[in-house]
Amino acid sequence: MNNLLNEILLPAGQTIQLVRGDITAETTDAIVNAANAYLQHGGGVAGAILRRGGPGIQQESEAWVRAHGPVSQAAPAWTSGGNLPCRIVIHAVGPIWGDGDEEAKLAAAVTGALRLADELGLASIAFPAISTGIFGFPKERAARVMFAAIHEYSGKPSGLHLIRVVLYETETIIAFEKAWHDYFSSKPQA
């Protein structure tokens, strides 16, 4: 069961939440997969999504890449949710730490996923800690970038009402909670 850790209601009406739990159990309209550019879902969040969602997600992902080419940070791909409780999986490609301009690339991946969710007419979305696993992005730094991108996007007209960041590992939760308090303590609430 997923547990709410922190929540902020923004003046524009959106709710942002920090959650401890399993992103594959989320009942939001969409979940975000921390993907690679070729949508080969092997380990980490991508592997967990594939194991629970079924092989159809990988098949749809391969069809996407055949039709559109590799996925960029700013323009994520999407597939059905397969056997997951969500309807849609948005495949966002985060940066590999050390490739340069990582913060801008991570912000683009988050913003791209939010924009795609709006284009698909979705009301809720759940993110993992993009790029903090095998891609090596420092967790607290990634959290600050993700929260800033989500907060900035939430200030614009959007059909998204609920944006969740769902974390599984204790070390990641600690880093994201610290960044949450540092970032949101100075932001106005509704």
Protein backbone atom coordinates (compact mmCIF):
# COMPACT_ATOMS: atom_id res chain seq x y z
CA MET A 1 0.00 0.00 0.00
CA ASN A 2 1.28 3.45 -0.90
CA ASN A 3 1.59 6.01 1.91
CA LEU A 4 1.30 9.77 1.55
CA LEU A 5 4.38 11.53 3.00
CA ASN A 6 3.80 15.16 1.98
CA GLU A 7 1.23 17.16 0.05
CA ILE A 8 0.85 20.69 -1.18
CA LEU A 9 -2.23 22.26 -2.74
CA LEU A 10 -1.23 24.99 -5.16
CA PRO A 11 -3.19 28.22 -5.68
CA ALA A 12 -4.22 27.06 -9.19
CA GLY A 13 -5.88 23.98 -7.67
CA GLN A 14 -3.36 21.25 -8.43
CA THR A 15 -2.18 18.90 -5.72
CA ILE A 16 1.41 17.68 -5.62
CA GLN A 17 2.14 14.69 -3.40
CA LEU A 18 5.22 12.80 -2.24
CA VAL A 19 4.42 9.13 -1.70
CA ARG A 20 6.25 6.08 -0.33
CA GLY A 21 5.32 2.98 -2.28
CA ASP A 22 5.23 1.04 -5.50
CA ILE A 23 4.57 3.07 -8.64
CA THR A 24 3.17 -0.05 -10.35
CA ALA A 25 0.31 -0.01 -7.82
CA GLU A 26 -0.71 3.58 -8.61
CA THR A 27 -4.27 4.15 -9.81
CA THR A 28 -3.49 7.54 -11.36
CA ASP A 29 -4.46 7.93 -15.03
CA ALA A 30 -0.78 7.55 -15.97
CA ILE A 31 2.49 6.53 -14.44
CA VAL A 32 5.85 7.64 -15.75
CA ASN A 33 8.49 5.10 -16.64
CA ALA A 34 12.12 6.11 -16.26
CA ALA A 35 13.07 4.86 -19.72
CA ASN A 36 16.02 4.71 -22.06
CA ALA A 37 15.81 6.18 -25.57
CA TYR A 38 15.13 2.78 -27.20
CA LEU A 39 12.43 1.77 -24.65
CA GLN A 40 14.15 -1.47 -23.72
CA HIS A 41 12.65 -2.11 -20.29
CA GLY A 42 15.15 -4.27 -18.42
CA GLY A 43 15.77 -3.24 -14.81
CA GLY A 44 14.80 -0.68 -12.21
CA VAL A 45 11.45 1.07 -12.57
CA ALA A 46 11.15 -0.01 -16.22
CA GLY A 47 11.65 -3.66 -15.31
CA ALA A 48 9.09 -3.47 -12.50
CA ILE A 49 6.55 -1.86 -14.83
CA LEU A 50 7.10 -4.57 -17.44
CA ARG A 51 6.87 -7.42 -14.92
CA ARG A 52 3.57 -6.17 -13.52
CA GLY A 53 2.15 -4.64 -16.70
CA GLY A 54 2.92 -7.57 -18.98
CA PRO A 55 4.82 -8.09 -22.24
CA GLY A 56 2.37 -5.98 -24.22
CA ILE A 57 4.05 -2.84 -22.86
CA GLN A 58 7.39 -3.92 -24.35
CA GLN A 59 5.71 -4.80 -27.65
CA GLU A 60 3.99 -1.41 -27.81
CA SER A 61 7.28 0.28 -26.90
CA GLU A 62 9.16 -1.46 -29.72
CA ALA A 63 6.41 -0.48 -32.16
CA TRP A 64 6.72 3.15 -30.97
CA VAL A 65 10.48 3.20 -31.58
CA ARG A 66 10.04 1.59 -35.03
CA ALA A 67 7.49 4.27 -35.94
CA HIS A 68 9.08 7.34 -34.31
CA GLY A 69 12.73 6.54 -33.64
CA PRO A 70 14.54 6.94 -30.31
CA VAL A 71 12.70 8.87 -27.61
CA SER A 72 14.09 12.28 -26.57
CA GLN A 73 13.93 13.99 -23.19
CA ALA A 74 11.46 16.63 -24.35
CA ALA A 75 9.14 14.30 -26.28
CA PRO A 76 8.30 11.15 -24.29
CA ALA A 77 6.54 8.10 -25.72
CA TRP A 78 3.42 6.45 -24.34
CA THR A 79 1.85 3.02 -24.28
CA SER A 80 -1.14 1.44 -22.64
CA GLY A 81 -0.85 0.39 -19.01
CA GLY A 82 -1.22 -3.27 -19.89
CA ASN A 83 -2.13 -5.14 -16.68
CA LEU A 84 -1.30 -2.13 -14.48
CA PRO A 85 -4.05 -0.24 -12.61
CA CYS A 86 -3.19 2.93 -14.61
CA ARG A 87 -4.44 3.43 -18.17
CA ILE A 88 -1.26 4.90 -19.67
CA VAL A 89 2.49 4.55 -19.20
CA ILE A 90 4.45 7.64 -20.26
CA HIS A 91 8.03 6.69 -21.08
CA ALA A 92 10.28 9.64 -20.14
CA VAL A 93 13.99 9.50 -20.92
CA GLY A 94 16.06 11.03 -18.17
CA PRO A 95 19.69 12.05 -18.55
CA ILE A 96 22.72 9.95 -17.69
CA TRP A 97 24.80 11.70 -15.03
CA GLY A 98 28.04 12.93 -16.59
CA ASP A 99 26.67 13.52 -20.11
CA GLY A 100 26.40 17.27 -19.52
CA ASP A 101 23.49 19.68 -18.97
CA GLU A 102 21.78 17.03 -16.82
CA GLU A 103 19.53 19.40 -14.87
CA ALA A 104 18.05 20.93 -18.03
CA LYS A 105 17.57 17.47 -19.55
CA LEU A 106 15.82 16.16 -16.43
CA ALA A 107 13.56 19.22 -16.30
CA ALA A 108 12.74 18.67 -20.00
CA ALA A 109 11.85 15.01 -19.33
CA VAL A 110 9.50 15.95 -16.46
CA THR A 111 7.91 18.83 -18.39
CA GLY A 112 7.55 16.63 -21.49
CA ALA A 113 5.71 13.96 -19.47
CA LEU A 114 3.37 16.57 -17.95
CA ARG A 115 2.70 18.13 -21.35
CA LEU A 116 1.95 14.71 -22.88
CA ALA A 117 -0.42 13.88 -20.01
CA ASP A 118 -2.29 17.11 -20.77
CA GLU A 119 -2.38 16.32 -24.50
CA LEU A 120 -3.88 12.91 -23.65
CA GLY A 121 -6.53 14.59 -21.46
CA LEU A 122 -5.35 12.96 -18.22
CA ALA A 123 -6.19 14.30 -14.74
CA SER A 124 -3.53 12.50 -12.67
CA ILE A 125 0.02 11.26 -13.07
CA ALA A 126 2.69 9.56 -10.91
CA PHE A 127 6.45 9.96 -11.36
CA PRO A 128 9.35 7.85 -10.09
CA ALA A 129 12.73 9.36 -9.19
CA ILE A 130 13.84 9.71 -12.83
CA SER A 131 17.56 9.11 -13.57
CA THR A 132 18.53 8.41 -9.93
CA GLY A 133 19.10 4.67 -10.41
CA ILE A 134 21.55 3.28 -12.95
CA PHE A 135 21.73 6.68 -14.69
CA GLY A 136 23.48 8.01 -11.54
CA PHE A 137 21.80 11.41 -11.05
CA PRO A 138 22.36 12.50 -7.41
CA LYS A 139 19.03 11.92 -5.65
CA GLU A 140 18.55 15.20 -3.78
CA ARG A 141 19.65 17.23 -6.76
CA ALA A 142 17.24 15.30 -9.01
CA ALA A 143 14.45 15.90 -6.50
CA ARG A 144 15.01 19.68 -6.57
CA VAL A 145 14.96 19.69 -10.38
CA MET A 146 11.83 17.53 -10.53
CA PHE A 147 9.94 19.59 -7.92
CA ALA A 148 10.87 22.85 -9.69
CA ALA A 149 9.74 21.51 -13.09
CA ILE A 150 6.46 20.18 -11.64
CA HIS A 151 5.81 23.41 -9.74
CA GLU A 152 6.55 25.59 -12.76
CA TYR A 153 4.29 23.50 -15.02
CA SER A 154 1.51 23.58 -12.42
CA GLY A 155 1.37 27.35 -12.67
CA LYS A 156 0.02 27.08 -16.23
CA PRO A 157 -3.49 26.08 -17.36
CA SER A 158 -3.68 22.30 -17.18
CA GLY A 159 -6.16 19.48 -16.85
CA LEU A 160 -3.81 17.72 -14.46
CA HIS A 161 -5.18 17.97 -10.93
CA LEU A 162 -2.98 15.44 -9.13
CA ILE A 163 0.78 14.98 -9.59
CA ARG A 164 2.44 12.35 -7.42
CA VAL A 165 6.10 11.46 -6.96
CA VAL A 166 6.20 7.82 -5.83
CA LEU A 167 9.38 6.46 -4.26
CA TYR A 168 10.35 2.98 -3.15
CA GLU A 169 13.87 2.99 -1.66
CA THR A 170 14.53 4.48 1.78
CA GLU A 171 17.64 6.38 0.64
CA THR A 172 15.67 7.98 -2.19
CA ILE A 173 12.77 8.84 0.11
CA ILE A 174 15.10 10.58 2.57
CA ALA A 175 16.73 12.65 -0.20
CA PHE A 176 13.38 13.61 -1.76
CA GLU A 177 11.83 14.51 1.61
CA LYS A 178 14.74 16.84 2.38
CA ALA A 179 14.44 18.46 -1.05
CA TRP A 180 10.64 18.71 -0.63
CA HIS A 181 10.99 20.64 2.63
CA ASP A 182 13.74 22.86 1.23
CA TYR A 183 11.79 23.62 -1.95
CA PHE A 184 8.14 23.83 -0.87
CA SER A 185 8.59 25.54 2.50
CA SER A 186 8.85 28.87 0.70
CA LYS A 187 6.00 28.30 -1.79
CA PRO A 188 2.44 29.59 -1.28
CA GLN A 189 -0.27 27.01 -0.67
CA ALA A 190 -3.93 27.34 -1.59
